[in-house]
N, C-alpha and C. Protein backbone atom coordinates (compact mmCIF):
# COMPACT_ATOMS: atom_id res chain seq x y z
N UNK A 1 0.78 -0.83 -0.13
CA UNK A 1 0.14 0.34 -0.11
C UNK A 1 1.14 1.33 0.39
N UNK A 2 0.15 2.39 -0.91
CA UNK A 2 1.11 3.35 -0.75
C UNK A 2 1.24 4.44 0.66
N UNK A 3 2.03 5.02 0.73
CA UNK A 3 1.72 6.02 2.03
C UNK A 3 1.16 6.99 2.17
N UNK A 4 1.11 7.19 3.03
CA UNK A 4 -0.41 8.22 3.46
C UNK A 4 0.07 9.92 2.35
N UNK A 5 1.21 10.39 2.87
CA UNK A 5 1.93 11.58 2.28
C UNK A 5 2.07 11.21 0.66
N UNK A 6 2.12 10.41 0.04
CA UNK A 6 2.62 9.96 -1.12
C UNK A 6 0.76 9.75 -1.87
N UNK A 7 0.28 9.29 -1.22
CA UNK A 7 -1.07 8.87 -1.91
C UNK A 7 -1.88 10.71 -2.09
N UNK A 8 -1.86 11.47 -0.66
CA UNK A 8 -2.72 12.72 -0.93
C UNK A 8 -1.59 13.69 -1.93
N UNK A 9 -0.23 13.98 -1.95
CA UNK A 9 0.23 14.69 -2.90
C UNK A 9 0.21 14.36 -4.10
N UNK A 10 -0.27 13.11 -4.74
CA UNK A 10 -0.48 12.52 -5.81
C UNK A 10 -2.03 13.05 -6.03
N UNK A 11 -2.98 12.95 -4.68
CA UNK A 11 -4.49 13.33 -5.13
C UNK A 11 -4.24 14.77 -5.25
N UNK A 12 -3.26 15.63 -4.66
CA UNK A 12 -3.37 17.01 -5.36
C UNK A 12 -2.90 17.43 -6.16
N UNK A 13 -2.07 16.73 -6.96
CA UNK A 13 -1.48 16.75 -8.46
C UNK A 13 -2.42 16.18 -9.18
N UNK A 14 -2.99 15.50 -8.92
CA UNK A 14 -4.35 15.17 -9.83
C UNK A 14 -5.65 16.11 -9.74
N UNK A 15 -5.55 16.66 -8.37
CA UNK A 15 -6.81 18.14 -8.77
C UNK A 15 -6.38 19.27 -9.54
N UNK A 16 -4.84 19.84 -9.80
CA UNK A 16 -4.36 20.80 -10.26
C UNK A 16 -4.36 20.19 -11.67
N UNK A 17 -3.72 18.94 -11.85
CA UNK A 17 -4.33 18.59 -13.48
C UNK A 17 -5.56 18.49 -14.15
N UNK A 18 -6.91 17.71 -13.25
CA UNK A 18 -7.60 17.74 -13.63
C UNK A 18 -8.68 19.44 -13.91
N UNK A 19 -8.05 20.58 -13.02
CA UNK A 19 -8.21 21.88 -13.21
C UNK A 19 -8.05 22.70 -14.72
N UNK A 20 -6.32 22.26 -14.87
CA UNK A 20 -5.91 22.18 -16.01
C UNK A 20 -6.82 21.86 -17.31
N UNK A 21 -7.09 20.51 -17.36
CA UNK A 21 -7.77 19.94 -18.02
C UNK A 21 -8.95 20.65 -18.58
N UNK A 22 -9.88 21.24 -17.11
CA UNK A 22 -11.34 22.02 -17.14
C UNK A 22 -10.92 23.07 -18.13
N UNK A 23 -10.03 23.30 -17.26
CA UNK A 23 -9.25 25.39 -18.48
C UNK A 23 -9.47 25.10 -20.05
N UNK A 24 -9.12 23.83 -20.37
CA UNK A 24 -8.60 23.47 -22.08
C UNK A 24 -10.11 23.47 -22.45
N UNK A 25 -11.03 22.80 -21.84
CA UNK A 25 -12.40 22.94 -22.47
C UNK A 25 -12.71 24.26 -23.29
N UNK A 26 -12.39 25.38 -22.23
CA UNK A 26 -13.01 26.67 -22.74
C UNK A 26 -11.92 26.86 -24.32
N UNK A 27 -10.89 26.08 -24.06
CA UNK A 27 -10.59 26.15 -25.74
C UNK A 27 -10.45 25.65 -26.69
N UNK A 28 -11.97 24.71 -26.55
CA UNK A 28 -12.67 23.65 -27.44
C UNK A 28 -11.84 22.42 -27.36
N UNK A 29 -11.13 22.21 -26.56
CA UNK A 29 -10.19 21.19 -26.51
C UNK A 29 -10.95 19.99 -25.59
N UNK A 30 -10.44 18.67 -25.68
CA UNK A 30 -11.45 17.90 -25.20
C UNK A 30 -10.91 17.30 -23.84
N UNK A 31 -11.38 19.03 -22.52
CA UNK A 31 -10.86 18.86 -21.66
C UNK A 31 -11.35 17.76 -20.91
N UNK A 32 -12.37 17.37 -20.53
CA UNK A 32 -13.64 16.56 -20.00
C UNK A 32 -12.79 15.21 -20.20
N UNK A 33 -12.81 14.85 -21.45
CA UNK A 33 -12.04 13.84 -21.52
C UNK A 33 -10.33 13.51 -20.68
N UNK A 34 -9.99 14.92 -20.59
CA UNK A 34 -9.08 14.54 -20.29
C UNK A 34 -8.90 14.39 -18.86
N UNK A 35 -10.01 14.64 -18.42
CA UNK A 35 -10.39 14.63 -16.67
C UNK A 35 -10.58 13.21 -16.82
N UNK A 36 -11.37 12.22 -17.33
CA UNK A 36 -11.97 11.26 -17.39
C UNK A 36 -10.11 10.00 -17.31
N UNK A 37 -9.72 10.31 -18.30
CA UNK A 37 -8.25 9.77 -18.19
C UNK A 37 -7.21 9.88 -17.23
N UNK A 38 -7.15 11.01 -16.66
CA UNK A 38 -6.14 11.64 -15.36
C UNK A 38 -7.10 10.91 -14.44
N UNK A 39 -8.27 10.44 -14.33
CA UNK A 39 -8.93 9.87 -12.98
C UNK A 39 -8.78 8.39 -13.54
N UNK A 40 -8.55 7.75 -14.72
CA UNK A 40 -8.14 6.19 -14.83
C UNK A 40 -7.43 6.18 -14.30
N UNK A 41 -6.06 7.26 -14.94
CA UNK A 41 -4.78 6.82 -14.09
C UNK A 41 -4.32 6.68 -13.31
N UNK A 42 -5.10 7.41 -12.14
CA UNK A 42 -4.92 7.42 -10.89
C UNK A 42 -5.62 6.43 -10.37
N UNK A 43 -6.87 5.61 -10.67
CA UNK A 43 -7.71 4.90 -10.27
C UNK A 43 -6.72 3.62 -10.43
N UNK A 44 -5.76 3.40 -11.57
CA UNK A 44 -4.73 2.61 -11.92
C UNK A 44 -3.64 2.50 -10.58
N UNK A 45 -3.26 3.30 -10.29
CA UNK A 45 -1.78 3.16 -9.69
C UNK A 45 -2.78 3.43 -8.08
N UNK A 46 -3.84 3.88 -7.86
CA UNK A 46 -4.43 3.85 -6.31
C UNK A 46 -5.68 3.34 -6.40
N UNK A 47 -5.73 2.05 -6.80
CA UNK A 47 -7.22 1.11 -6.70
C UNK A 47 -7.87 1.41 -5.26
N UNK A 48 -9.12 1.63 -5.06
CA UNK A 48 -9.70 1.38 -4.29
C UNK A 48 -9.22 0.20 -3.21
N UNK A 49 -8.81 0.22 -2.16
CA UNK A 49 -8.27 -0.65 -0.99
C UNK A 49 -9.13 -0.72 0.03
N UNK A 50 -7.97 -0.49 1.17
CA UNK A 50 -8.95 -0.99 2.89
C UNK A 50 -9.39 0.80 2.86
N UNK A 51 -8.30 1.67 2.67
CA UNK A 51 -8.12 2.78 3.71
C UNK A 51 -8.67 4.25 2.31
N UNK A 52 -7.99 3.89 1.40
CA UNK A 52 -7.76 4.92 0.21
C UNK A 52 -7.70 4.80 -0.67
N UNK A 53 -8.52 5.14 -2.27
CA UNK A 53 -8.36 4.76 -3.51
C UNK A 53 -9.04 5.38 -4.01
N UNK A 54 -9.11 5.20 -5.64
CA UNK A 54 -10.55 5.58 -6.55
C UNK A 54 -11.04 4.70 -6.95
N UNK A 55 -12.22 4.42 -6.92
CA UNK A 55 -12.84 2.99 -7.59
C UNK A 55 -13.23 3.11 -8.80
N UNK A 56 -12.99 2.25 -9.61
CA UNK A 56 -13.36 2.57 -10.98
C UNK A 56 -15.13 2.98 -11.30
N UNK A 57 -15.71 2.30 -10.40
CA UNK A 57 -16.76 3.32 -10.72
C UNK A 57 -17.49 4.64 -10.77
N UNK A 58 -16.37 5.34 -9.85
CA UNK A 58 -16.13 6.69 -10.10
C UNK A 58 -15.62 7.18 -11.69
N UNK A 59 -14.83 6.26 -11.92
CA UNK A 59 -14.30 6.95 -13.43
C UNK A 59 -15.25 6.56 -14.81
N UNK A 60 -16.04 5.48 -14.03
CA UNK A 60 -17.05 5.36 -15.27
C UNK A 60 -18.38 6.20 -15.03
N UNK A 61 -18.59 6.71 -13.82
CA UNK A 61 -19.56 8.03 -13.49
C UNK A 61 -19.08 9.16 -14.53
N UNK A 62 -17.86 9.32 -14.23
CA UNK A 62 -16.98 10.76 -14.66
C UNK A 62 -17.42 10.62 -16.24
N UNK A 63 -16.64 9.29 -16.98
CA UNK A 63 -16.90 8.69 -18.01
C UNK A 63 -18.82 9.19 -18.82
N UNK A 64 -19.29 8.46 -18.18
CA UNK A 64 -20.76 9.26 -18.50
C UNK A 64 -20.83 10.47 -18.83
N UNK A 65 -20.62 11.23 -17.98
CA UNK A 65 -21.20 12.34 -17.49
C UNK A 65 -20.03 13.41 -18.52
N UNK A 66 -19.06 12.70 -18.74
CA UNK A 66 -18.12 13.22 -20.43
C UNK A 66 -19.23 13.31 -21.69
N UNK A 67 -19.57 12.41 -21.84
CA UNK A 67 -20.53 11.91 -22.90
C UNK A 67 -21.55 12.81 -22.69
N UNK A 68 -22.25 13.03 -21.54
CA UNK A 68 -23.33 13.87 -21.63
C UNK A 68 -22.72 15.59 -21.78
N UNK A 69 -21.62 15.86 -21.44
CA UNK A 69 -21.30 17.31 -21.57
C UNK A 69 -20.99 17.18 -23.58
N UNK A 70 -20.77 16.28 -23.73
CA UNK A 70 -20.36 16.38 -25.46
C UNK A 70 -21.79 16.53 -26.00
N UNK A 71 -22.37 15.65 -25.74
CA UNK A 71 -23.87 15.89 -26.28
C UNK A 71 -24.65 17.32 -26.20
N UNK A 72 -24.16 17.75 -24.83
CA UNK A 72 -24.84 19.60 -24.57
C UNK A 72 -23.96 20.05 -25.24
N UNK A 73 -22.63 20.23 -25.20
CA UNK A 73 -22.18 21.39 -26.36
C UNK A 73 -22.86 20.86 -27.70
N UNK A 74 -22.66 19.83 -28.52
CA UNK A 74 -22.75 19.57 -29.68
C UNK A 74 -24.68 19.86 -29.84
N UNK A 75 -25.29 19.72 -28.88
CA UNK A 75 -26.90 20.01 -28.98
C UNK A 75 -27.01 21.48 -28.93
N UNK A 76 -26.53 22.20 -28.29
CA UNK A 76 -26.62 23.31 -28.31
C UNK A 76 -25.76 24.18 -29.20
N UNK A 77 -24.76 23.89 -29.73
CA UNK A 77 -24.18 24.51 -30.95
C UNK A 77 -25.21 24.04 -32.56
N UNK A 78 -25.53 23.37 -32.34
CA UNK A 78 -26.56 22.63 -33.51
C UNK A 78 -27.88 23.36 -33.66
N UNK A 79 -28.58 23.35 -32.19
CA UNK A 79 -29.54 24.29 -31.99
C UNK A 79 -29.56 25.39 -32.66
N UNK A 80 -28.45 26.59 -32.11
CA UNK A 80 -28.07 27.60 -32.59
C UNK A 80 -27.92 27.78 -34.01
N UNK A 81 -27.35 26.66 -34.60
CA UNK A 81 -26.98 27.10 -35.99
C UNK A 81 -28.45 26.83 -36.36
N UNK A 82 -28.87 25.99 -35.93
CA UNK A 82 -30.21 25.31 -36.97
C UNK A 82 -31.10 26.47 -37.02
N UNK A 83 -31.32 26.89 -35.93
CA UNK A 83 -32.60 27.98 -35.92
C UNK A 83 -32.24 28.91 -36.49
N UNK A 84 -31.05 29.18 -36.78
CA UNK A 84 -30.55 30.21 -37.94
C UNK A 84 -30.55 30.03 -38.91
N UNK A 85 -30.60 28.67 -39.30
CA UNK A 85 -30.79 28.34 -41.03
C UNK A 85 -29.10 27.99 -41.27
N UNK A 86 -28.51 28.31 -40.28
CA UNK A 86 -26.94 28.01 -41.23
C UNK A 86 -26.62 26.75 -42.00
N UNK A 87 -25.63 26.80 -43.04
CA UNK A 87 -25.09 25.56 -43.81
C UNK A 87 -24.33 24.83 -43.10
N UNK A 88 -24.08 23.65 -43.55
CA UNK A 88 -23.06 22.87 -43.19
C UNK A 88 -21.71 23.38 -43.16
N UNK A 89 -21.41 24.47 -44.23
CA UNK A 89 -20.07 24.47 -44.40
C UNK A 89 -19.71 25.90 -42.93
N UNK A 90 -20.82 26.52 -42.59
CA UNK A 90 -21.05 27.84 -41.69
C UNK A 90 -20.46 26.95 -40.59
N UNK A 91 -21.20 26.13 -40.36
CA UNK A 91 -20.60 24.79 -38.75
C UNK A 91 -19.61 24.81 -38.96
N UNK A 92 -18.66 24.32 -40.07
CA UNK A 92 -17.22 23.97 -39.99
C UNK A 92 -16.57 24.98 -39.45
N UNK A 93 -16.85 26.60 -40.36
CA UNK A 93 -16.27 27.39 -40.12
C UNK A 93 -16.69 27.72 -38.65
N UNK A 94 -17.50 27.79 -38.12
CA UNK A 94 -17.72 27.96 -37.02
C UNK A 94 -16.93 27.65 -36.21
N UNK A 95 -16.78 26.15 -36.18
CA UNK A 95 -16.05 25.14 -35.09
C UNK A 95 -14.86 25.76 -35.47
N UNK A 96 -13.68 26.06 -36.32
CA UNK A 96 -12.67 26.55 -36.71
C UNK A 96 -12.06 27.95 -36.02
N UNK A 97 -13.41 28.84 -36.27
CA UNK A 97 -13.67 30.29 -36.00
C UNK A 97 -13.44 30.32 -33.95
N UNK A 98 -14.34 28.95 -33.55
CA UNK A 98 -14.19 28.68 -32.04
C UNK A 98 -12.74 28.37 -31.55
N UNK A 99 -11.89 27.70 -31.94
CA UNK A 99 -10.86 27.73 -31.38
C UNK A 99 -9.73 28.80 -31.74
N UNK A 100 -9.95 29.12 -32.96
CA UNK A 100 -8.76 30.55 -33.24
C UNK A 100 -9.41 31.40 -32.33
N UNK A 101 -10.56 31.69 -32.11
CA UNK A 101 -10.93 32.59 -31.14
C UNK A 101 -10.68 32.88 -29.40
N UNK A 102 -10.76 31.38 -29.18
CA UNK A 102 -10.15 31.07 -27.99
C UNK A 102 -8.99 31.27 -27.44
N UNK A 103 -8.27 30.72 -28.37
CA UNK A 103 -6.84 30.95 -28.14
C UNK A 103 -6.77 32.15 -28.44
N UNK A 104 -6.82 33.33 -29.53
CA UNK A 104 -6.71 34.72 -29.25
C UNK A 104 -6.78 35.56 -28.16
N UNK A 105 -8.63 35.06 -27.95
CA UNK A 105 -8.98 35.69 -26.58
C UNK A 105 -8.44 35.47 -25.39
N UNK A 106 -7.93 33.90 -25.44
CA UNK A 106 -7.19 34.06 -23.94
C UNK A 106 -5.54 34.53 -24.17
N UNK A 107 -5.20 34.57 -24.95
CA UNK A 107 -3.88 35.34 -25.52
C UNK A 107 -4.14 36.68 -25.12
N UNK A 108 -4.65 37.53 -25.66
CA UNK A 108 -5.21 39.07 -25.52
C UNK A 108 -5.01 39.13 -23.93
N UNK A 109 -6.19 38.49 -23.41
CA UNK A 109 -6.67 38.87 -21.72
C UNK A 109 -5.69 38.41 -20.74
N UNK A 110 -4.48 37.43 -21.25
CA UNK A 110 -3.29 37.18 -20.10
C UNK A 110 -2.83 38.34 -19.45
N UNK A 111 -3.60 39.83 -19.70
CA UNK A 111 -2.23 40.50 -18.55
C UNK A 111 -3.69 40.65 -17.48
N UNK A 112 -4.85 40.36 -17.69
CA UNK A 112 -5.72 40.52 -16.71
C UNK A 112 -5.82 39.12 -15.51
N UNK A 113 -5.23 39.20 -14.53
CA UNK A 113 -5.02 38.08 -13.45
C UNK A 113 -5.80 37.12 -13.38
N UNK A 114 -5.64 35.84 -13.37
CA UNK A 114 -6.67 34.75 -13.05
C UNK A 114 -7.63 34.50 -14.01
N UNK A 115 -9.15 34.96 -14.21
CA UNK A 115 -10.01 34.95 -14.73
C UNK A 115 -9.97 35.76 -16.27
N UNK A 116 -8.74 36.92 -16.28
CA UNK A 116 -8.89 37.29 -18.03
C UNK A 116 -8.52 36.15 -19.18
N UNK A 117 -7.97 34.88 -19.13
CA UNK A 117 -7.60 34.53 -20.26
C UNK A 117 -9.19 33.49 -20.22
N UNK A 118 -9.34 33.28 -18.86
CA UNK A 118 -10.44 32.25 -18.85
C UNK A 118 -11.94 32.91 -19.82
N UNK A 119 -12.23 34.00 -19.46
CA UNK A 119 -13.38 34.89 -20.06
C UNK A 119 -12.75 35.12 -21.34
N UNK A 120 -11.94 35.57 -21.48
CA UNK A 120 -10.92 35.80 -23.21
C UNK A 120 -11.06 34.31 -23.99
N UNK A 121 -10.83 33.49 -23.23
CA UNK A 121 -11.13 32.23 -24.37
C UNK A 121 -12.78 32.07 -24.42
N UNK A 122 -13.32 32.28 -23.46
CA UNK A 122 -15.15 32.04 -23.66
C UNK A 122 -15.60 32.88 -24.59
N UNK A 123 -15.20 33.89 -24.56
CA UNK A 123 -15.59 35.05 -25.43
C UNK A 123 -14.93 35.23 -26.70
N UNK A 124 -13.55 34.78 -26.63
CA UNK A 124 -13.05 34.67 -27.92
C UNK A 124 -13.85 33.59 -29.12
N UNK A 125 -13.87 32.48 -28.44
CA UNK A 125 -14.63 31.47 -28.67
C UNK A 125 -15.64 31.85 -29.57
N UNK A 126 -16.63 32.30 -28.73
CA UNK A 126 -18.08 32.75 -28.90
C UNK A 126 -17.61 33.84 -30.34
N UNK A 127 -16.89 35.11 -30.41
CA UNK A 127 -16.64 35.80 -31.20
C UNK A 127 -16.05 34.97 -32.69
N UNK A 128 -15.14 34.34 -32.34
CA UNK A 128 -14.77 32.95 -33.31
C UNK A 128 -16.25 32.31 -33.99
N UNK A 129 -17.22 31.88 -33.20
CA UNK A 129 -17.55 31.07 -34.01
C UNK A 129 -18.67 32.16 -34.16
N UNK A 130 -19.24 32.82 -33.85
CA UNK A 130 -20.30 34.26 -34.85
C UNK A 130 -19.27 34.39 -36.28
N UNK A 131 -18.02 34.57 -36.23
CA UNK A 131 -17.06 34.73 -37.40
C UNK A 131 -17.05 33.77 -38.57
N UNK A 132 -17.05 32.87 -38.02
CA UNK A 132 -16.87 31.67 -38.75
C UNK A 132 -18.18 31.29 -39.30
N UNK A 133 -19.05 31.53 -38.95
CA UNK A 133 -20.51 31.40 -39.51
C UNK A 133 -20.81 32.10 -40.34
N UNK A 134 -20.18 33.46 -39.80
CA UNK A 134 -20.57 34.38 -40.81
C UNK A 134 -19.76 34.54 -42.32
N UNK A 135 -18.61 34.08 -42.05
CA UNK A 135 -17.75 33.84 -43.08
C UNK A 135 -18.23 32.84 -44.34
N UNK A 136 -18.80 31.63 -43.47
CA UNK A 136 -19.37 30.67 -44.14
C UNK A 136 -20.56 30.79 -44.84
N UNK A 137 -21.64 31.63 -44.22
CA UNK A 137 -22.76 32.08 -45.07
C UNK A 137 -22.27 32.93 -45.68
N UNK A 138 -21.86 33.86 -45.76
CA UNK A 138 -21.14 34.90 -46.88
C UNK A 138 -21.03 34.17 -47.95
N UNK A 139 -19.85 33.39 -47.78
CA UNK A 139 -18.79 32.68 -49.14
C UNK A 139 -19.89 31.80 -50.08
N UNK A 140 -21.24 31.54 -49.62
CA UNK A 140 -22.05 30.57 -50.34
C UNK A 140 -23.16 31.61 -50.89
N UNK A 141 -22.97 32.86 -50.63
CA UNK A 141 -23.57 33.90 -51.64
C UNK A 141 -25.01 34.25 -50.55
N UNK A 142 -25.31 33.92 -49.52
CA UNK A 142 -26.33 34.54 -48.64
C UNK A 142 -26.12 35.96 -48.04
N UNK A 143 -27.12 36.58 -48.17
CA UNK A 143 -26.95 38.02 -47.73
C UNK A 143 -26.72 38.16 -46.43
N UNK A 144 -26.59 39.78 -46.05
CA UNK A 144 -25.57 39.83 -44.90
C UNK A 144 -27.14 39.84 -43.99
N UNK A 145 -28.12 39.87 -43.84
CA UNK A 145 -29.09 39.80 -42.72
C UNK A 145 -29.11 37.90 -42.23
N UNK A 146 -28.92 37.18 -43.41
CA UNK A 146 -28.85 35.73 -43.16
C UNK A 146 -27.34 35.31 -42.81
N UNK A 147 -26.56 35.78 -43.38
CA UNK A 147 -25.44 35.65 -42.74
C UNK A 147 -25.24 36.00 -41.34
N UNK A 148 -25.69 37.19 -40.77
CA UNK A 148 -25.99 37.85 -39.54
C UNK A 148 -26.31 37.27 -38.53
N UNK A 149 -27.51 36.14 -39.00
CA UNK A 149 -28.71 35.73 -38.05
C UNK A 149 -27.60 34.40 -37.82
N UNK A 150 -26.73 33.49 -39.18
CA UNK A 150 -26.37 32.52 -38.56
C UNK A 150 -25.12 32.43 -37.48
N UNK A 151 -24.57 33.71 -37.77
CA UNK A 151 -23.43 34.27 -37.14
C UNK A 151 -23.76 34.11 -35.44
N UNK A 152 -25.01 34.69 -35.19
CA UNK A 152 -25.48 35.28 -33.98
C UNK A 152 -25.89 33.37 -33.10
N UNK A 153 -26.53 32.87 -34.40
CA UNK A 153 -26.49 31.35 -33.62
C UNK A 153 -25.62 30.57 -33.50
N UNK A 154 -25.00 30.72 -34.26
CA UNK A 154 -23.93 30.11 -33.61
C UNK A 154 -22.65 30.69 -32.87
N UNK A 155 -22.72 31.80 -32.30
CA UNK A 155 -22.41 32.39 -30.96
C UNK A 155 -23.09 32.23 -29.77
N UNK A 156 -24.45 32.12 -29.90
CA UNK A 156 -25.30 31.83 -29.04
C UNK A 156 -24.96 30.32 -28.26
N UNK A 157 -25.65 29.55 -29.38
CA UNK A 157 -24.95 28.09 -29.37
C UNK A 157 -23.71 27.70 -28.73
N UNK A 158 -22.87 28.43 -29.06
CA UNK A 158 -21.13 28.26 -28.21
C UNK A 158 -21.38 28.49 -26.77
N UNK A 159 -21.68 29.64 -26.75
CA UNK A 159 -22.00 30.08 -24.96
C UNK A 159 -22.73 28.94 -24.41
N UNK A 160 -23.53 28.49 -24.76
CA UNK A 160 -24.82 27.95 -24.06
C UNK A 160 -23.88 26.45 -23.96
N UNK A 161 -23.49 25.92 -24.78
CA UNK A 161 -22.76 25.27 -24.78
C UNK A 161 -21.44 24.41 -24.15
N UNK A 162 -20.63 25.77 -24.04
CA UNK A 162 -19.35 26.19 -23.77
C UNK A 162 -20.08 25.98 -21.92
N UNK A 163 -21.06 26.51 -21.37
CA UNK A 163 -21.42 26.77 -20.17
C UNK A 163 -21.55 25.09 -19.71
N UNK A 164 -22.56 24.87 -20.54
CA UNK A 164 -22.72 23.52 -20.16
C UNK A 164 -21.88 21.94 -19.98
N UNK A 165 -21.42 22.35 -20.74
CA UNK A 165 -19.96 21.45 -20.92
C UNK A 165 -18.61 21.77 -19.52
N UNK A 166 -18.59 23.09 -19.46
CA UNK A 166 -18.13 23.33 -18.42
C UNK A 166 -18.56 22.81 -16.60
N UNK A 167 -19.84 23.10 -16.62
CA UNK A 167 -20.82 22.87 -15.60
C UNK A 167 -20.31 21.34 -15.43
N UNK A 168 -20.52 20.41 -16.32
CA UNK A 168 -20.52 19.28 -16.35
C UNK A 168 -19.14 18.73 -15.89
N UNK A 169 -17.86 18.96 -16.35
CA UNK A 169 -16.62 18.99 -15.88
C UNK A 169 -16.37 19.52 -14.67
N UNK A 170 -17.00 20.45 -14.11
CA UNK A 170 -16.68 20.81 -12.81
C UNK A 170 -17.58 19.61 -11.73
N UNK A 171 -18.60 19.27 -12.06
CA UNK A 171 -19.45 17.79 -11.55
C UNK A 171 -18.50 16.70 -11.52
N UNK A 172 -17.71 16.83 -12.55
CA UNK A 172 -16.79 15.30 -12.58
C UNK A 172 -15.79 15.30 -11.56
N UNK A 173 -15.07 16.53 -11.66
CA UNK A 173 -14.12 16.92 -10.59
C UNK A 173 -14.66 16.60 -9.71
N UNK A 174 -16.05 17.23 -8.92
CA UNK A 174 -15.92 16.94 -7.65
C UNK A 174 -16.26 15.64 -7.55
N UNK A 175 -16.89 14.74 -8.12
CA UNK A 175 -17.03 13.45 -7.80
C UNK A 175 -15.83 12.47 -7.92
N UNK A 176 -14.90 12.59 -8.70
CA UNK A 176 -13.69 12.01 -8.95
C UNK A 176 -12.85 12.75 -7.33
N UNK A 177 -12.80 13.58 -7.01
CA UNK A 177 -11.99 13.99 -5.76
C UNK A 177 -12.53 13.49 -4.35
N UNK A 178 -14.16 13.25 -4.40
CA UNK A 178 -14.66 12.91 -3.36
C UNK A 178 -14.84 11.14 -3.33
N UNK A 179 -14.69 10.64 -4.89
CA UNK A 179 -14.07 9.17 -4.53
C UNK A 179 -13.07 8.95 -4.02
N UNK A 180 -12.34 9.96 -4.16
CA UNK A 180 -10.88 9.40 -3.91
C UNK A 180 -10.71 9.64 -2.29
N UNK A 181 -11.38 10.47 -1.82
CA UNK A 181 -11.25 10.93 -0.39
C UNK A 181 -12.17 9.78 0.42
N UNK A 182 -13.55 9.30 -0.01
CA UNK A 182 -14.14 8.65 0.74
C UNK A 182 -14.00 7.00 0.66
């Protein structure tokens, strides 16, 4: 069995790594899946035993929640684009715009301590989704009001999806930490 100090040091490192993965979700990266992977790694090295460890059932619950987070994010984005009548091209452009906008927004807002990059990534991703959908619709010859409507749908869909996925990620972290402490 692992020593008490090693276990709790590794648990602290797990929490820090999961927090970093959670923030990665803002950049349209698979942060929730990274959380599941980190939890699985922890459960492998520290299986539930007599007094401490992480049960695989907690990892399974986290994986199920990660699927729910993906469904929420994709559903919200698709609903926003569908409501606005966006094309498939616009959806692809909106996804690329989300990634580029998230990275740009986080980079520009670095001077604001702690929350700057988080808010910058979320806002930049939403604006990038708007720009991508707008460019996608304009490129296929849609008029300005239709392109703006597609952009708005992508922007709001991205915000709702990101907030939902972040909420699910936070719940995942809490479940894993509780599972490791109980």
